[in-house]
Structures are given as structure tokens and as C-alpha cells.
Amino acid sequence: YQEPMNLTIGSVRTLDRLARSVGKQLMID
């Protein structure tokens, strides 16, 4: 029974930056 969290998807320039941002916020690498 885990707690939800806020995931922020930013208006970034490249998909590489998106991957790094999401990887810092979630368990997904």
C-alpha cells in the first residue's frame, strides 16, 4: 500500500533531458 507521488513533466528541449528528469523522479532508470 504505497503512497502516490508528484511526477513533473517539464517543457524541455530534448527527449534525452526528459528521460533524465523522469529517471531522477521515479524508480525507472
mmCIF file of all heavy atoms, coordinates in Angstrom:
data_MODEL
# 
_entry.id   MODEL 
# 
loop_
_atom_site.group_PDB 
_atom_site.id 
_atom_site.type_symbol 
_atom_site.label_atom_id 
_atom_site.label_alt_id 
_atom_site.label_comp_id 
_atom_site.label_asym_id 
_atom_site.label_entity_id 
_atom_site.label_seq_id 
_atom_site.pdbx_PDB_ins_code 
_atom_site.Cartn_x 
_atom_site.Cartn_y 
_atom_site.Cartn_z 
_atom_site.occupancy 
_atom_site.B_iso_or_equiv 
_atom_site.pdbx_formal_charge 
_atom_site.auth_seq_id 
_atom_site.auth_comp_id 
_atom_site.auth_asym_id 
_atom_site.auth_atom_id 
_atom_site.pdbx_PDB_model_num 
ATOM 1   N N   . TYR A 1 1  ? 0.848  -1.197 0.000   1.00 0.00 ? 1  TYR A N   1 
ATOM 2   C CA  . TYR A 1 1  ? 0.000  0.000  0.000   1.00 0.00 ? 1  TYR A CA  1 
ATOM 3   C C   . TYR A 1 1  ? 0.882  1.246  0.000   1.00 0.00 ? 1  TYR A C   1 
ATOM 4   O O   . TYR A 1 1  ? 1.135  1.860  1.030   1.00 0.00 ? 1  TYR A O   1 
ATOM 5   C CB  . TYR A 1 1  ? -0.912 0.009  1.227   1.00 0.00 ? 1  TYR A CB  1 
ATOM 6   C CG  . TYR A 1 1  ? -1.966 -1.066 1.245   1.00 0.00 ? 1  TYR A CG  1 
ATOM 7   C CD1 . TYR A 1 1  ? -2.628 -1.400 2.421   1.00 0.00 ? 1  TYR A CD1 1 
ATOM 8   C CD2 . TYR A 1 1  ? -2.311 -1.762 0.085   1.00 0.00 ? 1  TYR A CD2 1 
ATOM 9   C CE1 . TYR A 1 1  ? -3.600 -2.392 2.444   1.00 0.00 ? 1  TYR A CE1 1 
ATOM 10  C CE2 . TYR A 1 1  ? -3.276 -2.752 0.103   1.00 0.00 ? 1  TYR A CE2 1 
ATOM 11  C CZ  . TYR A 1 1  ? -3.915 -3.062 1.289   1.00 0.00 ? 1  TYR A CZ  1 
ATOM 12  O OH  . TYR A 1 1  ? -4.879 -4.045 1.297   1.00 0.00 ? 1  TYR A OH  1 
ATOM 13  N N   . GLN A 1 2  ? 1.372  1.606  -1.164  1.00 0.00 ? 2  GLN A N   1 
ATOM 14  C CA  . GLN A 1 2  ? 2.297  2.725  -1.250  1.00 0.00 ? 2  GLN A CA  1 
ATOM 15  C C   . GLN A 1 2  ? 1.563  4.051  -1.453  1.00 0.00 ? 2  GLN A C   1 
ATOM 16  O O   . GLN A 1 2  ? 0.377  4.086  -1.782  1.00 0.00 ? 2  GLN A O   1 
ATOM 17  C CB  . GLN A 1 2  ? 3.300  2.502  -2.377  1.00 0.00 ? 2  GLN A CB  1 
ATOM 18  C CG  . GLN A 1 2  ? 2.688  2.318  -3.752  1.00 0.00 ? 2  GLN A CG  1 
ATOM 19  C CD  . GLN A 1 2  ? 3.733  2.168  -4.825  1.00 0.00 ? 2  GLN A CD  1 
ATOM 20  O OE1 . GLN A 1 2  ? 4.575  3.050  -5.014  1.00 0.00 ? 2  GLN A OE1 1 
ATOM 21  N NE2 . GLN A 1 2  ? 3.705  1.063  -5.553  1.00 0.00 ? 2  GLN A NE2 1 
ATOM 22  N N   . GLU A 1 3  ? 2.309  5.123  -1.271  1.00 0.00 ? 3  GLU A N   1 
ATOM 23  C CA  . GLU A 1 3  ? 1.779  6.472  -1.418  1.00 0.00 ? 3  GLU A CA  1 
ATOM 24  C C   . GLU A 1 3  ? 2.076  6.997  -2.822  1.00 0.00 ? 3  GLU A C   1 
ATOM 25  O O   . GLU A 1 3  ? 3.190  6.844  -3.313  1.00 0.00 ? 3  GLU A O   1 
ATOM 26  C CB  . GLU A 1 3  ? 2.421  7.420  -0.405  1.00 0.00 ? 3  GLU A CB  1 
ATOM 27  C CG  . GLU A 1 3  ? 2.104  7.107  1.037   1.00 0.00 ? 3  GLU A CG  1 
ATOM 28  C CD  . GLU A 1 3  ? 0.711  7.547  1.434   1.00 0.00 ? 3  GLU A CD  1 
ATOM 29  O OE1 . GLU A 1 3  ? 0.290  8.640  1.008   1.00 0.00 ? 3  GLU A OE1 1 
ATOM 30  O OE2 . GLU A 1 3  ? 0.045  6.788  2.168   1.00 0.00 ? 3  GLU A OE2 1 
ATOM 31  N N   . PRO A 1 4  ? 1.096  7.628  -3.471  1.00 0.00 ? 4  PRO A N   1 
ATOM 32  C CA  . PRO A 1 4  ? 1.392  8.245  -4.767  1.00 0.00 ? 4  PRO A CA  1 
ATOM 33  C C   . PRO A 1 4  ? 2.315  9.443  -4.591  1.00 0.00 ? 4  PRO A C   1 
ATOM 34  O O   . PRO A 1 4  ? 2.463  9.975  -3.479  1.00 0.00 ? 4  PRO A O   1 
ATOM 35  C CB  . PRO A 1 4  ? 0.015  8.671  -5.283  1.00 0.00 ? 4  PRO A CB  1 
ATOM 36  C CG  . PRO A 1 4  ? -0.812 8.833  -4.051  1.00 0.00 ? 4  PRO A CG  1 
ATOM 37  C CD  . PRO A 1 4  ? -0.299 7.828  -3.069  1.00 0.00 ? 4  PRO A CD  1 
ATOM 38  N N   . MET A 1 5  ? 2.924  9.862  -5.675  1.00 0.00 ? 5  MET A N   1 
ATOM 39  C CA  . MET A 1 5  ? 3.841  10.995 -5.633  1.00 0.00 ? 5  MET A CA  1 
ATOM 40  C C   . MET A 1 5  ? 3.589  11.883 -6.842  1.00 0.00 ? 5  MET A C   1 
ATOM 41  O O   . MET A 1 5  ? 2.886  11.503 -7.784  1.00 0.00 ? 5  MET A O   1 
ATOM 42  C CB  . MET A 1 5  ? 5.291  10.505 -5.656  1.00 0.00 ? 5  MET A CB  1 
ATOM 43  C CG  . MET A 1 5  ? 5.622  9.669  -6.873  1.00 0.00 ? 5  MET A CG  1 
ATOM 44  S SD  . MET A 1 5  ? 7.389  9.535  -7.206  1.00 0.00 ? 5  MET A SD  1 
ATOM 45  C CE  . MET A 1 5  ? 7.766  11.186 -7.776  1.00 0.00 ? 5  MET A CE  1 
ATOM 46  N N   . ASN A 1 6  ? 4.146  13.082 -6.805  1.00 0.00 ? 6  ASN A N   1 
ATOM 47  C CA  . ASN A 1 6  ? 4.012  14.017 -7.920  1.00 0.00 ? 6  ASN A CA  1 
ATOM 48  C C   . ASN A 1 6  ? 5.142  13.815 -8.915  1.00 0.00 ? 6  ASN A C   1 
ATOM 49  O O   . ASN A 1 6  ? 6.319  13.898 -8.551  1.00 0.00 ? 6  ASN A O   1 
ATOM 50  C CB  . ASN A 1 6  ? 4.025  15.460 -7.410  1.00 0.00 ? 6  ASN A CB  1 
ATOM 51  C CG  . ASN A 1 6  ? 2.773  15.808 -6.644  1.00 0.00 ? 6  ASN A CG  1 
ATOM 52  O OD1 . ASN A 1 6  ? 1.706  15.241 -6.885  1.00 0.00 ? 6  ASN A OD1 1 
ATOM 53  N ND2 . ASN A 1 6  ? 2.878  16.737 -5.709  1.00 0.00 ? 6  ASN A ND2 1 
ATOM 54  N N   . LEU A 1 7  ? 4.781  13.544 -10.148 1.00 0.00 ? 7  LEU A N   1 
ATOM 55  C CA  . LEU A 1 7  ? 5.737  13.437 -11.248 1.00 0.00 ? 7  LEU A CA  1 
ATOM 56  C C   . LEU A 1 7  ? 5.573  14.660 -12.124 1.00 0.00 ? 7  LEU A C   1 
ATOM 57  O O   . LEU A 1 7  ? 4.488  14.909 -12.645 1.00 0.00 ? 7  LEU A O   1 
ATOM 58  C CB  . LEU A 1 7  ? 5.488  12.169 -12.065 1.00 0.00 ? 7  LEU A CB  1 
ATOM 59  C CG  . LEU A 1 7  ? 6.240  12.072 -13.401 1.00 0.00 ? 7  LEU A CG  1 
ATOM 60  C CD1 . LEU A 1 7  ? 7.743  11.978 -13.157 1.00 0.00 ? 7  LEU A CD1 1 
ATOM 61  C CD2 . LEU A 1 7  ? 5.752  10.888 -14.225 1.00 0.00 ? 7  LEU A CD2 1 
ATOM 62  N N   . THR A 1 8  ? 6.643  15.413 -12.306 1.00 0.00 ? 8  THR A N   1 
ATOM 63  C CA  . THR A 1 8  ? 6.594  16.622 -13.117 1.00 0.00 ? 8  THR A CA  1 
ATOM 64  C C   . THR A 1 8  ? 7.218  16.360 -14.479 1.00 0.00 ? 8  THR A C   1 
ATOM 65  O O   . THR A 1 8  ? 8.383  15.974 -14.577 1.00 0.00 ? 8  THR A O   1 
ATOM 66  C CB  . THR A 1 8  ? 7.330  17.781 -12.422 1.00 0.00 ? 8  THR A CB  1 
ATOM 67  O OG1 . THR A 1 8  ? 6.697  18.054 -11.170 1.00 0.00 ? 8  THR A OG1 1 
ATOM 68  C CG2 . THR A 1 8  ? 7.300  19.036 -13.286 1.00 0.00 ? 8  THR A CG2 1 
ATOM 69  N N   . ILE A 1 9  ? 6.418  16.562 -15.521 1.00 0.00 ? 9  ILE A N   1 
ATOM 70  C CA  . ILE A 1 9  ? 6.905  16.501 -16.891 1.00 0.00 ? 9  ILE A CA  1 
ATOM 71  C C   . ILE A 1 9  ? 7.171  17.934 -17.325 1.00 0.00 ? 9  ILE A C   1 
ATOM 72  O O   . ILE A 1 9  ? 6.257  18.763 -17.357 1.00 0.00 ? 9  ILE A O   1 
ATOM 73  C CB  . ILE A 1 9  ? 5.871  15.839 -17.833 1.00 0.00 ? 9  ILE A CB  1 
ATOM 74  C CG1 . ILE A 1 9  ? 5.562  14.421 -17.366 1.00 0.00 ? 9  ILE A CG1 1 
ATOM 75  C CG2 . ILE A 1 9  ? 6.380  15.853 -19.273 1.00 0.00 ? 9  ILE A CG2 1 
ATOM 76  C CD1 . ILE A 1 9  ? 6.748  13.486 -17.396 1.00 0.00 ? 9  ILE A CD1 1 
ATOM 77  N N   . GLY A 1 10 ? 8.421  18.230 -17.632 1.00 0.00 ? 10 GLY A N   1 
ATOM 78  C CA  . GLY A 1 10 ? 8.789  19.599 -17.944 1.00 0.00 ? 10 GLY A CA  1 
ATOM 79  C C   . GLY A 1 10 ? 8.747  19.896 -19.430 1.00 0.00 ? 10 GLY A C   1 
ATOM 80  O O   . GLY A 1 10 ? 8.768  18.993 -20.269 1.00 0.00 ? 10 GLY A O   1 
ATOM 81  N N   . SER A 1 11 ? 8.693  21.185 -19.738 1.00 0.00 ? 11 SER A N   1 
ATOM 82  C CA  . SER A 1 11 ? 8.748  21.626 -21.131 1.00 0.00 ? 11 SER A CA  1 
ATOM 83  C C   . SER A 1 11 ? 10.213 21.740 -21.527 1.00 0.00 ? 11 SER A C   1 
ATOM 84  O O   . SER A 1 11 ? 10.786 22.833 -21.563 1.00 0.00 ? 11 SER A O   1 
ATOM 85  C CB  . SER A 1 11 ? 8.038  22.980 -21.288 1.00 0.00 ? 11 SER A CB  1 
ATOM 86  O OG  . SER A 1 11 ? 8.148  23.468 -22.602 1.00 0.00 ? 11 SER A OG  1 
ATOM 87  N N   . VAL A 1 12 ? 10.828 20.586 -21.814 1.00 0.00 ? 12 VAL A N   1 
ATOM 88  C CA  . VAL A 1 12 ? 12.261 20.539 -22.084 1.00 0.00 ? 12 VAL A CA  1 
ATOM 89  C C   . VAL A 1 12 ? 12.522 20.492 -23.589 1.00 0.00 ? 12 VAL A C   1 
ATOM 90  O O   . VAL A 1 12 ? 11.641 20.194 -24.386 1.00 0.00 ? 12 VAL A O   1 
ATOM 91  C CB  . VAL A 1 12 ? 12.911 19.324 -21.393 1.00 0.00 ? 12 VAL A CB  1 
ATOM 92  C CG1 . VAL A 1 12 ? 12.829 19.472 -19.882 1.00 0.00 ? 12 VAL A CG1 1 
ATOM 93  C CG2 . VAL A 1 12 ? 12.243 18.022 -21.840 1.00 0.00 ? 12 VAL A CG2 1 
ATOM 94  N N   . ARG A 1 13 ? 13.767 20.760 -23.958 1.00 0.00 ? 13 ARG A N   1 
ATOM 95  C CA  . ARG A 1 13 ? 14.107 20.861 -25.377 1.00 0.00 ? 13 ARG A CA  1 
ATOM 96  C C   . ARG A 1 13 ? 14.334 19.507 -26.040 1.00 0.00 ? 13 ARG A C   1 
ATOM 97  O O   . ARG A 1 13 ? 14.073 19.355 -27.218 1.00 0.00 ? 13 ARG A O   1 
ATOM 98  C CB  . ARG A 1 13 ? 15.368 21.714 -25.545 1.00 0.00 ? 13 ARG A CB  1 
ATOM 99  C CG  . ARG A 1 13 ? 15.118 23.209 -25.405 1.00 0.00 ? 13 ARG A CG  1 
ATOM 100 C CD  . ARG A 1 13 ? 16.336 23.976 -25.898 1.00 0.00 ? 13 ARG A CD  1 
ATOM 101 N NE  . ARG A 1 13 ? 16.066 25.403 -25.963 1.00 0.00 ? 13 ARG A NE  1 
ATOM 102 C CZ  . ARG A 1 13 ? 16.649 26.318 -25.198 1.00 0.00 ? 13 ARG A CZ  1 
ATOM 103 N NH1 . ARG A 1 13 ? 17.507 25.936 -24.271 1.00 0.00 ? 13 ARG A NH1 1 
ATOM 104 N NH2 . ARG A 1 13 ? 16.359 27.595 -25.347 1.00 0.00 ? 13 ARG A NH2 1 
ATOM 105 N N   . THR A 1 14 ? 14.840 18.545 -25.305 1.00 0.00 ? 14 THR A N   1 
ATOM 106 C CA  . THR A 1 14 ? 15.175 17.269 -25.927 1.00 0.00 ? 14 THR A CA  1 
ATOM 107 C C   . THR A 1 14 ? 14.593 16.117 -25.119 1.00 0.00 ? 14 THR A C   1 
ATOM 108 O O   . THR A 1 14 ? 14.361 16.235 -23.905 1.00 0.00 ? 14 THR A O   1 
ATOM 109 C CB  . THR A 1 14 ? 16.699 17.080 -26.042 1.00 0.00 ? 14 THR A CB  1 
ATOM 110 O OG1 . THR A 1 14 ? 17.252 16.968 -24.721 1.00 0.00 ? 14 THR A OG1 1 
ATOM 111 C CG2 . THR A 1 14 ? 17.345 18.244 -26.779 1.00 0.00 ? 14 THR A CG2 1 
ATOM 112 N N   . LEU A 1 15 ? 14.393 14.982 -25.800 1.00 0.00 ? 15 LEU A N   1 
ATOM 113 C CA  . LEU A 1 15 ? 13.873 13.800 -25.128 1.00 0.00 ? 15 LEU A CA  1 
ATOM 114 C C   . LEU A 1 15 ? 14.904 13.200 -24.189 1.00 0.00 ? 15 LEU A C   1 
ATOM 115 O O   . LEU A 1 15 ? 14.547 12.527 -23.216 1.00 0.00 ? 15 LEU A O   1 
ATOM 116 C CB  . LEU A 1 15 ? 13.420 12.771 -26.161 1.00 0.00 ? 15 LEU A CB  1 
ATOM 117 C CG  . LEU A 1 15 ? 12.211 13.193 -27.011 1.00 0.00 ? 15 LEU A CG  1 
ATOM 118 C CD1 . LEU A 1 15 ? 11.871 12.108 -28.027 1.00 0.00 ? 15 LEU A CD1 1 
ATOM 119 C CD2 . LEU A 1 15 ? 10.997 13.485 -26.132 1.00 0.00 ? 15 LEU A CD2 1 
ATOM 120 N N   . ASP A 1 16 ? 16.184 13.421 -24.450 1.00 0.00 ? 16 ASP A N   1 
ATOM 121 C CA  . ASP A 1 16 ? 17.224 12.966 -23.530 1.00 0.00 ? 16 ASP A CA  1 
ATOM 122 C C   . ASP A 1 16 ? 17.069 13.647 -22.174 1.00 0.00 ? 16 ASP A C   1 
ATOM 123 O O   . ASP A 1 16 ? 17.211 13.009 -21.124 1.00 0.00 ? 16 ASP A O   1 
ATOM 124 C CB  . ASP A 1 16 ? 18.615 13.259 -24.097 1.00 0.00 ? 16 ASP A CB  1 
ATOM 125 C CG  . ASP A 1 16 ? 18.990 12.315 -25.221 1.00 0.00 ? 16 ASP A CG  1 
ATOM 126 O OD1 . ASP A 1 16 ? 18.339 11.253 -25.348 1.00 0.00 ? 16 ASP A OD1 1 
ATOM 127 O OD2 . ASP A 1 16 ? 19.929 12.631 -25.981 1.00 0.00 ? 16 ASP A OD2 1 
ATOM 128 N N   . ARG A 1 17 ? 16.777 14.936 -22.207 1.00 0.00 ? 17 ARG A N   1 
ATOM 129 C CA  . ARG A 1 17 ? 16.562 15.657 -20.947 1.00 0.00 ? 17 ARG A CA  1 
ATOM 130 C C   . ARG A 1 17 ? 15.320 15.151 -20.241 1.00 0.00 ? 17 ARG A C   1 
ATOM 131 O O   . ARG A 1 17 ? 15.283 15.055 -19.007 1.00 0.00 ? 17 ARG A O   1 
ATOM 132 C CB  . ARG A 1 17 ? 16.435 17.160 -21.220 1.00 0.00 ? 17 ARG A CB  1 
ATOM 133 C CG  . ARG A 1 17 ? 17.738 17.828 -21.630 1.00 0.00 ? 17 ARG A CG  1 
ATOM 134 C CD  . ARG A 1 17 ? 17.584 19.340 -21.670 1.00 0.00 ? 17 ARG A CD  1 
ATOM 135 N NE  . ARG A 1 17 ? 18.809 19.996 -22.084 1.00 0.00 ? 17 ARG A NE  1 
ATOM 136 C CZ  . ARG A 1 17 ? 18.950 21.319 -22.152 1.00 0.00 ? 17 ARG A CZ  1 
ATOM 137 N NH1 . ARG A 1 17 ? 17.947 22.115 -21.837 1.00 0.00 ? 17 ARG A NH1 1 
ATOM 138 N NH2 . ARG A 1 17 ? 20.100 21.848 -22.551 1.00 0.00 ? 17 ARG A NH2 1 
ATOM 139 N N   . LEU A 1 18 ? 14.298 14.834 -21.013 1.00 0.00 ? 18 LEU A N   1 
ATOM 140 C CA  . LEU A 1 18 ? 13.084 14.280 -20.412 1.00 0.00 ? 18 LEU A CA  1 
ATOM 141 C C   . LEU A 1 18 ? 13.397 12.964 -19.716 1.00 0.00 ? 18 LEU A C   1 
ATOM 142 O O   . LEU A 1 18 ? 12.965 12.736 -18.582 1.00 0.00 ? 18 LEU A O   1 
ATOM 143 C CB  . LEU A 1 18 ? 12.020 14.066 -21.481 1.00 0.00 ? 18 LEU A CB  1 
ATOM 144 C CG  . LEU A 1 18 ? 10.741 13.377 -20.994 1.00 0.00 ? 18 LEU A CG  1 
ATOM 145 C CD1 . LEU A 1 18 ? 9.968  14.289 -20.058 1.00 0.00 ? 18 LEU A CD1 1 
ATOM 146 C CD2 . LEU A 1 18 ? 9.871  12.952 -22.165 1.00 0.00 ? 18 LEU A CD2 1 
ATOM 147 N N   . ALA A 1 19 ? 14.153 12.081 -20.382 1.00 0.00 ? 19 ALA A N   1 
ATOM 148 C CA  . ALA A 1 19 ? 14.499 10.788 -19.793 1.00 0.00 ? 19 ALA A CA  1 
ATOM 149 C C   . ALA A 1 19 ? 15.274 10.978 -18.490 1.00 0.00 ? 19 ALA A C   1 
ATOM 150 O O   . ALA A 1 19 ? 15.008 10.289 -17.491 1.00 0.00 ? 19 ALA A O   1 
ATOM 151 C CB  . ALA A 1 19 ? 15.315 9.962  -20.791 1.00 0.00 ? 19 ALA A CB  1 
ATOM 152 N N   . ARG A 1 20 ? 16.221 11.908 -18.481 1.00 0.00 ? 20 ARG A N   1 
ATOM 153 C CA  . ARG A 1 20 ? 16.997 12.151 -17.262 1.00 0.00 ? 20 ARG A CA  1 
ATOM 154 C C   . ARG A 1 20 ? 16.112 12.685 -16.147 1.00 0.00 ? 20 ARG A C   1 
ATOM 155 O O   . ARG A 1 20 ? 16.249 12.288 -14.987 1.00 0.00 ? 20 ARG A O   1 
ATOM 156 C CB  . ARG A 1 20 ? 18.145 13.124 -17.553 1.00 0.00 ? 20 ARG A CB  1 
ATOM 157 C CG  . ARG A 1 20 ? 19.249 12.532 -18.417 1.00 0.00 ? 20 ARG A CG  1 
ATOM 158 C CD  . ARG A 1 20 ? 20.520 13.376 -18.334 1.00 0.00 ? 20 ARG A CD  1 
ATOM 159 N NE  . ARG A 1 20 ? 20.318 14.713 -18.854 1.00 0.00 ? 20 ARG A NE  1 
ATOM 160 C CZ  . ARG A 1 20 ? 20.507 15.054 -20.134 1.00 0.00 ? 20 ARG A CZ  1 
ATOM 161 N NH1 . ARG A 1 20 ? 20.873 14.126 -21.010 1.00 0.00 ? 20 ARG A NH1 1 
ATOM 162 N NH2 . ARG A 1 20 ? 20.345 16.291 -20.532 1.00 0.00 ? 20 ARG A NH2 1 
ATOM 163 N N   . SER A 1 21 ? 15.205 13.587 -16.490 1.00 0.00 ? 21 SER A N   1 
ATOM 164 C CA  . SER A 1 21 ? 14.325 14.173 -15.484 1.00 0.00 ? 21 SER A CA  1 
ATOM 165 C C   . SER A 1 21 ? 13.409 13.123 -14.869 1.00 0.00 ? 21 SER A C   1 
ATOM 166 O O   . SER A 1 21 ? 13.263 13.048 -13.640 1.00 0.00 ? 21 SER A O   1 
ATOM 167 C CB  . SER A 1 21 ? 13.485 15.293 -16.118 1.00 0.00 ? 21 SER A CB  1 
ATOM 168 O OG  . SER A 1 21 ? 12.504 15.765 -15.220 1.00 0.00 ? 21 SER A OG  1 
ATOM 169 N N   . VAL A 1 22 ? 12.794 12.303 -15.708 1.00 0.00 ? 22 VAL A N   1 
ATOM 170 C CA  . VAL A 1 22 ? 11.886 11.270 -15.206 1.00 0.00 ? 22 VAL A CA  1 
ATOM 171 C C   . VAL A 1 22 ? 12.654 10.230 -14.399 1.00 0.00 ? 22 VAL A C   1 
ATOM 172 O O   . VAL A 1 22 ? 12.199 9.763  -13.357 1.00 0.00 ? 22 VAL A O   1 
ATOM 173 C CB  . VAL A 1 22 ? 11.120 10.611 -16.368 1.00 0.00 ? 22 VAL A CB  1 
ATOM 174 C CG1 . VAL A 1 22 ? 10.295 9.429  -15.879 1.00 0.00 ? 22 VAL A CG1 1 
ATOM 175 C CG2 . VAL A 1 22 ? 10.217 11.637 -17.042 1.00 0.00 ? 22 VAL A CG2 1 
ATOM 176 N N   . GLY A 1 23 ? 13.871 9.880  -14.879 1.00 0.00 ? 23 GLY A N   1 
ATOM 177 C CA  . GLY A 1 23 ? 14.683 8.908  -14.164 1.00 0.00 ? 23 GLY A CA  1 
ATOM 178 C C   . GLY A 1 23 ? 15.070 9.369  -12.770 1.00 0.00 ? 23 GLY A C   1 
ATOM 179 O O   . GLY A 1 23 ? 15.261 8.554  -11.869 1.00 0.00 ? 23 GLY A O   1 
ATOM 180 N N   . LYS A 1 24 ? 15.195 10.673 -12.579 1.00 0.00 ? 24 LYS A N   1 
ATOM 181 C CA  . LYS A 1 24 ? 15.517 11.207 -11.249 1.00 0.00 ? 24 LYS A CA  1 
ATOM 182 C C   . LYS A 1 24 ? 14.317 11.177 -10.315 1.00 0.00 ? 24 LYS A C   1 
ATOM 183 O O   . LYS A 1 24 ? 14.487 11.220 -9.094  1.00 0.00 ? 24 LYS A O   1 
ATOM 184 C CB  . LYS A 1 24 ? 16.030 12.643 -11.377 1.00 0.00 ? 24 LYS A CB  1 
ATOM 185 C CG  . LYS A 1 24 ? 17.407 12.770 -12.011 1.00 0.00 ? 24 LYS A CG  1 
ATOM 186 C CD  . LYS A 1 24 ? 17.817 14.225 -12.148 1.00 0.00 ? 24 LYS A CD  1 
ATOM 187 C CE  . LYS A 1 24 ? 19.189 14.352 -12.799 1.00 0.00 ? 24 LYS A CE  1 
ATOM 188 N NZ  . LYS A 1 24 ? 19.585 15.773 -12.976 1.00 0.00 ? 24 LYS A NZ  1 
ATOM 189 N N   . GLN A 1 25 ? 13.117 11.115 -10.879 1.00 0.00 ? 25 GLN A N   1 
ATOM 190 C CA  . GLN A 1 25 ? 11.919 11.183 -10.056 1.00 0.00 ? 25 GLN A CA  1 
ATOM 191 C C   . GLN A 1 25 ? 11.303 9.822  -9.750  1.00 0.00 ? 25 GLN A C   1 
ATOM 192 O O   . GLN A 1 25 ? 10.633 9.660  -8.731  1.00 0.00 ? 25 GLN A O   1 
ATOM 193 C CB  . GLN A 1 25 ? 10.860 12.052 -10.749 1.00 0.00 ? 25 GLN A CB  1 
ATOM 194 C CG  . GLN A 1 25 ? 11.277 13.495 -10.957 1.00 0.00 ? 25 GLN A CG  1 
ATOM 195 C CD  . GLN A 1 25 ? 10.212 14.286 -11.696 1.00 0.00 ? 25 GLN A CD  1 
ATOM 196 O OE1 . GLN A 1 25 ? 9.150  14.604 -11.152 1.00 0.00 ? 25 GLN A OE1 1 
ATOM 197 N NE2 . GLN A 1 25 ? 10.480 14.595 -12.956 1.00 0.00 ? 25 GLN A NE2 1 
ATOM 198 N N   . LEU A 1 26 ? 11.522 8.841  -10.627 1.00 0.00 ? 26 LEU A N   1 
ATOM 199 C CA  . LEU A 1 26 ? 10.893 7.533  -10.489 1.00 0.00 ? 26 LEU A CA  1 
ATOM 200 C C   . LEU A 1 26 ? 11.934 6.437  -10.281 1.00 0.00 ? 26 LEU A C   1 
ATOM 201 O O   . LEU A 1 26 ? 13.130 6.661  -10.440 1.00 0.00 ? 26 LEU A O   1 
ATOM 202 C CB  . LEU A 1 26 ? 10.069 7.211  -11.740 1.00 0.00 ? 26 LEU A CB  1 
ATOM 203 C CG  . LEU A 1 26 ? 8.918  8.158  -12.073 1.00 0.00 ? 26 LEU A CG  1 
ATOM 204 C CD1 . LEU A 1 26 ? 8.240  7.724  -13.366 1.00 0.00 ? 26 LEU A CD1 1 
ATOM 205 C CD2 . LEU A 1 26 ? 7.914  8.220  -10.934 1.00 0.00 ? 26 LEU A CD2 1 
ATOM 206 N N   . MET A 1 27 ? 11.454 5.235  -9.962  1.00 0.00 ? 27 MET A N   1 
ATOM 207 C CA  . MET A 1 27 ? 12.339 4.092  -9.808  1.00 0.00 ? 27 MET A CA  1 
ATOM 208 C C   . MET A 1 27 ? 12.943 3.694  -11.150 1.00 0.00 ? 27 MET A C   1 
ATOM 209 O O   . MET A 1 27 ? 14.026 3.118  -11.213 1.00 0.00 ? 27 MET A O   1 
ATOM 210 C CB  . MET A 1 27 ? 11.575 2.903  -9.207  1.00 0.00 ? 27 MET A CB  1 
ATOM 211 C CG  . MET A 1 27 ? 12.466 1.730  -8.835  1.00 0.00 ? 27 MET A CG  1 
ATOM 212 S SD  . MET A 1 27 ? 11.565 0.365  -8.058  1.00 0.00 ? 27 MET A SD  1 
ATOM 213 C CE  . MET A 1 27 ? 10.745 -0.347 -9.492  1.00 0.00 ? 27 MET A CE  1 
ATOM 214 N N   . ILE A 1 28 ? 12.233 4.018  -12.248 1.00 0.00 ? 28 ILE A N   1 
ATOM 215 C CA  . ILE A 1 28 ? 12.734 3.684  -13.574 1.00 0.00 ? 28 ILE A CA  1 
ATOM 216 C C   . ILE A 1 28 ? 14.074 4.381  -13.796 1.00 0.00 ? 28 ILE A C   1 
ATOM 217 O O   . ILE A 1 28 ? 14.219 5.567  -13.511 1.00 0.00 ? 28 ILE A O   1 
ATOM 218 C CB  . ILE A 1 28 ? 11.765 4.156  -14.677 1.00 0.00 ? 28 ILE A CB  1 
ATOM 219 C CG1 . ILE A 1 28 ? 10.346 3.713  -14.388 1.00 0.00 ? 28 ILE A CG1 1 
ATOM 220 C CG2 . ILE A 1 28 ? 12.216 3.644  -16.041 1.00 0.00 ? 28 ILE A CG2 1 
ATOM 221 C CD1 . ILE A 1 28 ? 9.320  4.350  -15.319 1.00 0.00 ? 28 ILE A CD1 1 
ATOM 222 N N   . ASP A 1 29 ? 15.024 3.650  -14.342 1.00 0.00 ? 29 ASP A N   1 
ATOM 223 C CA  . ASP A 1 29 ? 16.302 4.252  -14.698 1.00 0.00 ? 29 ASP A CA  1 
ATOM 224 C C   . ASP A 1 29 ? 16.139 5.056  -15.984 1.00 0.00 ? 29 ASP A C   1 
ATOM 225 O O   . ASP A 1 29 ? 15.382 4.671  -16.877 1.00 0.00 ? 29 ASP A O   1 
ATOM 226 C CB  . ASP A 1 29 ? 17.347 3.161  -14.895 1.00 0.00 ? 29 ASP A CB  1 
ATOM 227 C CG  . ASP A 1 29 ? 18.737 3.737  -15.089 1.00 0.00 ? 29 ASP A CG  1 
ATOM 228 O OD1 . ASP A 1 29 ? 19.408 4.019  -14.091 1.00 0.00 ? 29 ASP A OD1 1 
ATOM 229 O OD2 . ASP A 1 29 ? 19.132 3.912  -16.262 1.00 0.00 ? 29 ASP A OD2 1 
# 
